[in-house]
Amino acid sequence: MRERVKINLDRLADKHGLTEEDAEKFNVYILEGGYLMNEMADPALAERVVADFARAKNGPEYERLKAINERRQAYQGTMAAAPAEGAGPAPAPEDPFLARATDKALSGRMG
């Protein structure tokens, strides 16, 4: 599957005049668009996504998606694999307030 994705994307990059420098922008674009890299094995979907990216790469939509990704990275410290993944930080287990609130709620339910 990886080979098919690579072949599709290489062929489409040549067709739409994209360069190696556009690879990072493309990764941000597909992740913020809700796509996964393995979905690019489908030639029709890959064609549509790459064509959309080629049209949008220097426009305001790409800049908006880039800003969203930068804020996510600043907040989480890493880039999420997909937009819905890693929606927020997990609460720290050593948080005393959270531990007390959880204990109180559980003890209230158990009597």
N, C-alpha and C. Protein backbone atom coordinates (compact mmCIF):
# COMPACT_ATOMS: atom_id res chain seq x y z
N MET A 1 0.82 -1.18 0.00
CA MET A 1 0.00 0.00 0.00
C MET A 1 0.87 1.26 0.00
N ARG A 2 1.96 1.23 0.79
CA ARG A 2 2.86 2.39 0.81
C ARG A 2 3.41 2.71 -0.57
N GLU A 3 3.76 1.66 -1.28
CA GLU A 3 4.31 1.85 -2.62
C GLU A 3 3.26 2.47 -3.54
N ARG A 4 2.01 2.02 -3.43
CA ARG A 4 0.94 2.57 -4.26
C ARG A 4 0.71 4.05 -3.92
N VAL A 5 0.74 4.39 -2.63
CA VAL A 5 0.57 5.79 -2.22
C VAL A 5 1.71 6.63 -2.79
N LYS A 6 2.93 6.13 -2.67
CA LYS A 6 4.10 6.85 -3.17
C LYS A 6 4.00 7.07 -4.67
N ILE A 7 3.63 6.04 -5.39
CA ILE A 7 3.51 6.15 -6.85
C ILE A 7 2.43 7.16 -7.22
N ASN A 8 1.26 7.07 -6.56
CA ASN A 8 0.17 8.01 -6.85
C ASN A 8 0.60 9.44 -6.59
N LEU A 9 1.20 9.68 -5.43
CA LEU A 9 1.57 11.04 -5.07
C LEU A 9 2.70 11.58 -5.94
N ASP A 10 3.66 10.75 -6.29
CA ASP A 10 4.74 11.20 -7.18
C ASP A 10 4.19 11.57 -8.55
N ARG A 11 3.31 10.73 -9.07
CA ARG A 11 2.73 10.98 -10.40
C ARG A 11 1.91 12.27 -10.38
N LEU A 12 1.10 12.45 -9.33
CA LEU A 12 0.25 13.63 -9.24
C LEU A 12 1.05 14.89 -8.95
N ALA A 13 2.12 14.78 -8.19
CA ALA A 13 2.97 15.94 -7.93
C ALA A 13 3.58 16.44 -9.23
N ASP A 14 4.03 15.51 -10.06
CA ASP A 14 4.59 15.89 -11.36
C ASP A 14 3.51 16.55 -12.23
N LYS A 15 2.33 15.96 -12.23
CA LYS A 15 1.22 16.47 -13.04
C LYS A 15 0.83 17.89 -12.64
N HIS A 16 0.84 18.17 -11.33
CA HIS A 16 0.37 19.47 -10.84
C HIS A 16 1.51 20.44 -10.53
N GLY A 17 2.74 20.06 -10.86
CA GLY A 17 3.87 20.96 -10.70
C GLY A 17 4.29 21.20 -9.26
N LEU A 18 4.11 20.22 -8.40
CA LEU A 18 4.52 20.34 -7.00
C LEU A 18 5.95 19.88 -6.84
N THR A 19 6.64 20.45 -5.86
CA THR A 19 8.04 20.12 -5.62
C THR A 19 8.20 19.44 -4.27
N GLU A 20 9.43 19.03 -3.98
CA GLU A 20 9.72 18.41 -2.67
C GLU A 20 9.45 19.38 -1.53
N GLU A 21 9.64 20.68 -1.77
CA GLU A 21 9.38 21.68 -0.73
C GLU A 21 7.91 21.74 -0.36
N ASP A 22 7.03 21.29 -1.25
CA ASP A 22 5.60 21.30 -0.98
C ASP A 22 5.15 20.10 -0.14
N ALA A 23 6.05 19.14 0.09
CA ALA A 23 5.66 17.92 0.80
C ALA A 23 5.17 18.20 2.21
N GLU A 24 5.87 19.05 2.95
CA GLU A 24 5.44 19.35 4.32
C GLU A 24 4.10 20.08 4.31
N LYS A 25 3.93 21.03 3.40
CA LYS A 25 2.66 21.74 3.27
C LYS A 25 1.54 20.76 2.94
N PHE A 26 1.83 19.81 2.06
CA PHE A 26 0.82 18.83 1.68
C PHE A 26 0.41 17.97 2.87
N ASN A 27 1.39 17.55 3.67
CA ASN A 27 1.07 16.75 4.86
C ASN A 27 0.15 17.51 5.81
N VAL A 28 0.44 18.78 6.04
CA VAL A 28 -0.42 19.60 6.89
C VAL A 28 -1.80 19.71 6.27
N TYR A 29 -1.85 19.93 4.97
CA TYR A 29 -3.12 20.09 4.26
C TYR A 29 -4.00 18.86 4.39
N ILE A 30 -3.44 17.67 4.18
CA ILE A 30 -4.29 16.48 4.24
C ILE A 30 -4.70 16.16 5.67
N LEU A 31 -3.81 16.38 6.63
CA LEU A 31 -4.18 16.11 8.02
C LEU A 31 -5.28 17.04 8.49
N GLU A 32 -5.17 18.30 8.17
CA GLU A 32 -6.19 19.26 8.58
C GLU A 32 -7.47 19.07 7.77
N GLY A 33 -7.35 18.46 6.61
CA GLY A 33 -8.54 18.17 5.81
C GLY A 33 -9.24 16.88 6.24
N GLY A 34 -8.65 16.16 7.18
CA GLY A 34 -9.27 14.95 7.69
C GLY A 34 -8.91 13.69 6.93
N TYR A 35 -7.90 13.76 6.09
CA TYR A 35 -7.48 12.59 5.32
C TYR A 35 -6.31 11.90 6.01
N LEU A 36 -6.16 10.62 5.71
CA LEU A 36 -5.01 9.86 6.17
C LEU A 36 -4.14 9.56 4.96
N MET A 37 -2.86 9.40 5.19
CA MET A 37 -1.94 9.16 4.08
C MET A 37 -2.30 7.87 3.33
N ASN A 38 -2.75 6.83 4.04
CA ASN A 38 -3.07 5.58 3.34
C ASN A 38 -4.30 5.72 2.45
N GLU A 39 -5.10 6.75 2.64
CA GLU A 39 -6.24 6.99 1.74
C GLU A 39 -5.78 7.47 0.37
N MET A 40 -4.55 7.91 0.28
CA MET A 40 -4.02 8.38 -1.00
C MET A 40 -3.70 7.22 -1.95
N ALA A 41 -3.95 5.99 -1.50
CA ALA A 41 -3.80 4.83 -2.39
C ALA A 41 -4.92 4.80 -3.43
N ASP A 42 -6.04 5.44 -3.12
CA ASP A 42 -7.15 5.54 -4.06
C ASP A 42 -6.82 6.63 -5.08
N PRO A 43 -6.62 6.27 -6.35
CA PRO A 43 -6.17 7.26 -7.34
C PRO A 43 -7.14 8.43 -7.52
N ALA A 44 -8.44 8.17 -7.47
CA ALA A 44 -9.41 9.25 -7.67
C ALA A 44 -9.38 10.24 -6.50
N LEU A 45 -9.33 9.72 -5.28
CA LEU A 45 -9.27 10.59 -4.11
C LEU A 45 -7.96 11.36 -4.09
N ALA A 46 -6.86 10.67 -4.38
CA ALA A 46 -5.56 11.34 -4.40
C ALA A 46 -5.54 12.45 -5.44
N GLU A 47 -6.11 12.20 -6.60
CA GLU A 47 -6.17 13.22 -7.66
C GLU A 47 -6.92 14.44 -7.17
N ARG A 48 -8.06 14.23 -6.53
CA ARG A 48 -8.87 15.35 -6.06
C ARG A 48 -8.14 16.14 -4.97
N VAL A 49 -7.54 15.43 -4.02
CA VAL A 49 -6.85 16.11 -2.91
C VAL A 49 -5.63 16.87 -3.40
N VAL A 50 -4.83 16.26 -4.26
CA VAL A 50 -3.62 16.93 -4.77
C VAL A 50 -4.02 18.13 -5.63
N ALA A 51 -5.05 17.99 -6.46
CA ALA A 51 -5.50 19.12 -7.28
C ALA A 51 -6.00 20.26 -6.40
N ASP A 52 -6.75 19.94 -5.36
CA ASP A 52 -7.22 20.98 -4.42
C ASP A 52 -6.05 21.65 -3.73
N PHE A 53 -5.07 20.85 -3.31
CA PHE A 53 -3.89 21.42 -2.66
C PHE A 53 -3.13 22.33 -3.60
N ALA A 54 -2.95 21.90 -4.84
CA ALA A 54 -2.20 22.70 -5.81
C ALA A 54 -2.88 24.06 -6.03
N ARG A 55 -4.22 24.07 -6.02
CA ARG A 55 -4.93 25.34 -6.18
C ARG A 55 -4.84 26.20 -4.92
N ALA A 56 -4.84 25.56 -3.76
CA ALA A 56 -4.96 26.30 -2.50
C ALA A 56 -3.64 26.58 -1.80
N LYS A 57 -2.53 26.02 -2.26
CA LYS A 57 -1.29 26.09 -1.47
C LYS A 57 -0.80 27.49 -1.20
N ASN A 58 -1.12 28.44 -2.03
CA ASN A 58 -0.67 29.81 -1.80
C ASN A 58 -1.83 30.73 -1.43
N GLY A 59 -2.97 30.15 -1.09
CA GLY A 59 -4.13 30.96 -0.79
C GLY A 59 -4.43 31.07 0.70
N PRO A 60 -5.50 31.77 1.03
CA PRO A 60 -5.85 31.99 2.44
C PRO A 60 -6.28 30.72 3.16
N GLU A 61 -6.86 29.76 2.46
CA GLU A 61 -7.30 28.53 3.13
C GLU A 61 -6.12 27.75 3.67
N TYR A 62 -5.05 27.65 2.90
CA TYR A 62 -3.87 26.95 3.39
C TYR A 62 -3.28 27.67 4.60
N GLU A 63 -3.23 28.98 4.55
CA GLU A 63 -2.70 29.74 5.68
C GLU A 63 -3.53 29.52 6.94
N ARG A 64 -4.85 29.40 6.77
CA ARG A 64 -5.72 29.14 7.91
C ARG A 64 -5.43 27.76 8.50
N LEU A 65 -5.29 26.75 7.65
CA LEU A 65 -4.99 25.40 8.11
C LEU A 65 -3.61 25.34 8.77
N LYS A 66 -2.66 26.07 8.21
CA LYS A 66 -1.31 26.10 8.79
C LYS A 66 -1.34 26.73 10.18
N ALA A 67 -2.12 27.79 10.34
CA ALA A 67 -2.23 28.45 11.65
C ALA A 67 -2.86 27.52 12.68
N ILE A 68 -3.87 26.76 12.27
CA ILE A 68 -4.50 25.79 13.17
C ILE A 68 -3.48 24.75 13.61
N ASN A 69 -2.71 24.24 12.67
CA ASN A 69 -1.70 23.23 12.98
C ASN A 69 -0.62 23.78 13.90
N GLU A 70 -0.19 25.02 13.67
CA GLU A 70 0.83 25.62 14.52
C GLU A 70 0.32 25.81 15.95
N ARG A 71 -0.94 26.21 16.09
CA ARG A 71 -1.51 26.36 17.44
C ARG A 71 -1.60 25.00 18.13
N ARG A 72 -1.97 23.97 17.37
CA ARG A 72 -2.06 22.63 17.96
C ARG A 72 -0.68 22.17 18.43
N GLN A 73 0.32 22.38 17.60
CA GLN A 73 1.67 21.98 17.96
C GLN A 73 2.17 22.75 19.18
N ALA A 74 1.86 24.03 19.25
CA ALA A 74 2.29 24.83 20.40
C ALA A 74 1.60 24.35 21.68
N TYR A 75 0.36 23.96 21.56
CA TYR A 75 -0.41 23.54 22.74
C TYR A 75 -0.02 22.13 23.18
N GLN A 76 0.09 21.22 22.22
CA GLN A 76 0.36 19.82 22.54
C GLN A 76 1.83 19.45 22.49
N GLY A 77 2.59 20.19 21.76
CA GLY A 77 4.00 19.88 21.61
C GLY A 77 4.29 18.95 20.46
N THR A 78 3.26 18.38 19.83
CA THR A 78 3.44 17.50 18.69
C THR A 78 2.31 17.72 17.70
N MET A 79 2.49 17.18 16.52
CA MET A 79 1.44 17.26 15.52
C MET A 79 0.57 16.04 15.64
N ALA A 80 -0.74 16.23 15.70
CA ALA A 80 -1.66 15.11 15.79
C ALA A 80 -1.69 14.36 14.46
N ALA A 81 -1.94 13.07 14.51
CA ALA A 81 -1.99 12.27 13.29
C ALA A 81 -3.22 12.59 12.47
N ALA A 82 -4.28 13.01 13.10
CA ALA A 82 -5.52 13.38 12.42
C ALA A 82 -6.17 14.50 13.22
N PRO A 83 -7.03 15.29 12.59
CA PRO A 83 -7.61 16.42 13.29
C PRO A 83 -8.33 16.07 14.58
N ALA A 84 -9.09 14.99 14.62
CA ALA A 84 -9.85 14.65 15.81
C ALA A 84 -8.98 13.98 16.88
N GLU A 85 -7.87 13.44 16.46
CA GLU A 85 -6.99 12.75 17.40
C GLU A 85 -6.26 13.76 18.26
N GLY A 86 -6.16 13.49 19.52
CA GLY A 86 -5.44 14.37 20.42
C GLY A 86 -6.12 15.71 20.59
N ALA A 87 -7.44 15.70 20.77
CA ALA A 87 -8.20 16.94 20.86
C ALA A 87 -7.78 17.81 22.04
N GLY A 88 -7.19 17.23 23.03
CA GLY A 88 -6.73 18.01 24.16
C GLY A 88 -5.84 17.18 25.04
N PRO A 89 -5.16 17.82 25.96
CA PRO A 89 -4.27 17.05 26.82
C PRO A 89 -5.04 16.21 27.83
N ALA A 90 -4.50 15.07 28.14
CA ALA A 90 -5.12 14.21 29.15
C ALA A 90 -4.85 14.83 30.52
N PRO A 91 -5.81 14.73 31.44
CA PRO A 91 -5.56 15.29 32.76
C PRO A 91 -4.44 14.53 33.44
N ALA A 92 -3.64 15.26 34.18
CA ALA A 92 -2.53 14.64 34.90
C ALA A 92 -3.06 13.82 36.06
N PRO A 93 -2.60 12.57 36.23
CA PRO A 93 -3.13 11.74 37.31
C PRO A 93 -2.76 12.26 38.69
N GLU A 94 -1.71 13.07 38.81
CA GLU A 94 -1.31 13.58 40.11
C GLU A 94 -2.06 14.85 40.50
N ASP A 95 -3.05 15.26 39.72
CA ASP A 95 -3.83 16.45 40.02
C ASP A 95 -4.67 16.19 41.28
N PRO A 96 -4.38 16.83 42.41
CA PRO A 96 -5.08 16.53 43.66
C PRO A 96 -6.56 16.89 43.61
N PHE A 97 -6.91 17.99 42.94
CA PHE A 97 -8.32 18.35 42.85
C PHE A 97 -9.11 17.29 42.12
N LEU A 98 -8.58 16.83 40.99
CA LEU A 98 -9.26 15.82 40.20
C LEU A 98 -9.39 14.52 40.99
N ALA A 99 -8.34 14.15 41.70
CA ALA A 99 -8.38 12.93 42.51
C ALA A 99 -9.44 13.04 43.61
N ARG A 100 -9.49 14.20 44.30
CA ARG A 100 -10.50 14.39 45.36
C ARG A 100 -11.90 14.37 44.79
N ALA A 101 -12.10 15.05 43.67
CA ALA A 101 -13.43 15.10 43.07
C ALA A 101 -13.88 13.72 42.62
N THR A 102 -12.98 12.96 42.04
CA THR A 102 -13.31 11.60 41.60
C THR A 102 -13.63 10.71 42.80
N ASP A 103 -12.81 10.78 43.83
CA ASP A 103 -13.06 9.98 45.04
C ASP A 103 -14.40 10.34 45.68
N LYS A 104 -14.69 11.63 45.74
CA LYS A 104 -15.95 12.07 46.34
C LYS A 104 -17.14 11.57 45.52
N ALA A 105 -17.05 11.66 44.19
CA ALA A 105 -18.16 11.21 43.34
C ALA A 105 -18.35 9.71 43.48
N LEU A 106 -17.27 8.95 43.50
CA LEU A 106 -17.39 7.50 43.62
C LEU A 106 -17.89 7.10 44.98
N SER A 107 -17.44 7.74 46.04
CA SER A 107 -17.90 7.38 47.39
C SER A 107 -19.36 7.76 47.57
N GLY A 108 -19.81 8.83 46.93
CA GLY A 108 -21.22 9.21 46.99
C GLY A 108 -22.11 8.19 46.31
N ARG A 109 -21.65 7.60 45.24
CA ARG A 109 -22.44 6.60 44.52
C ARG A 109 -22.47 5.25 45.24
N MET A 110 -21.40 4.94 45.93
CA MET A 110 -21.31 3.65 46.59
C MET A 110 -21.87 3.68 48.00
N GLY A 111 -22.20 4.83 48.48
CA GLY A 111 -22.87 4.91 49.77
C GLY A 111 -21.98 5.25 50.82
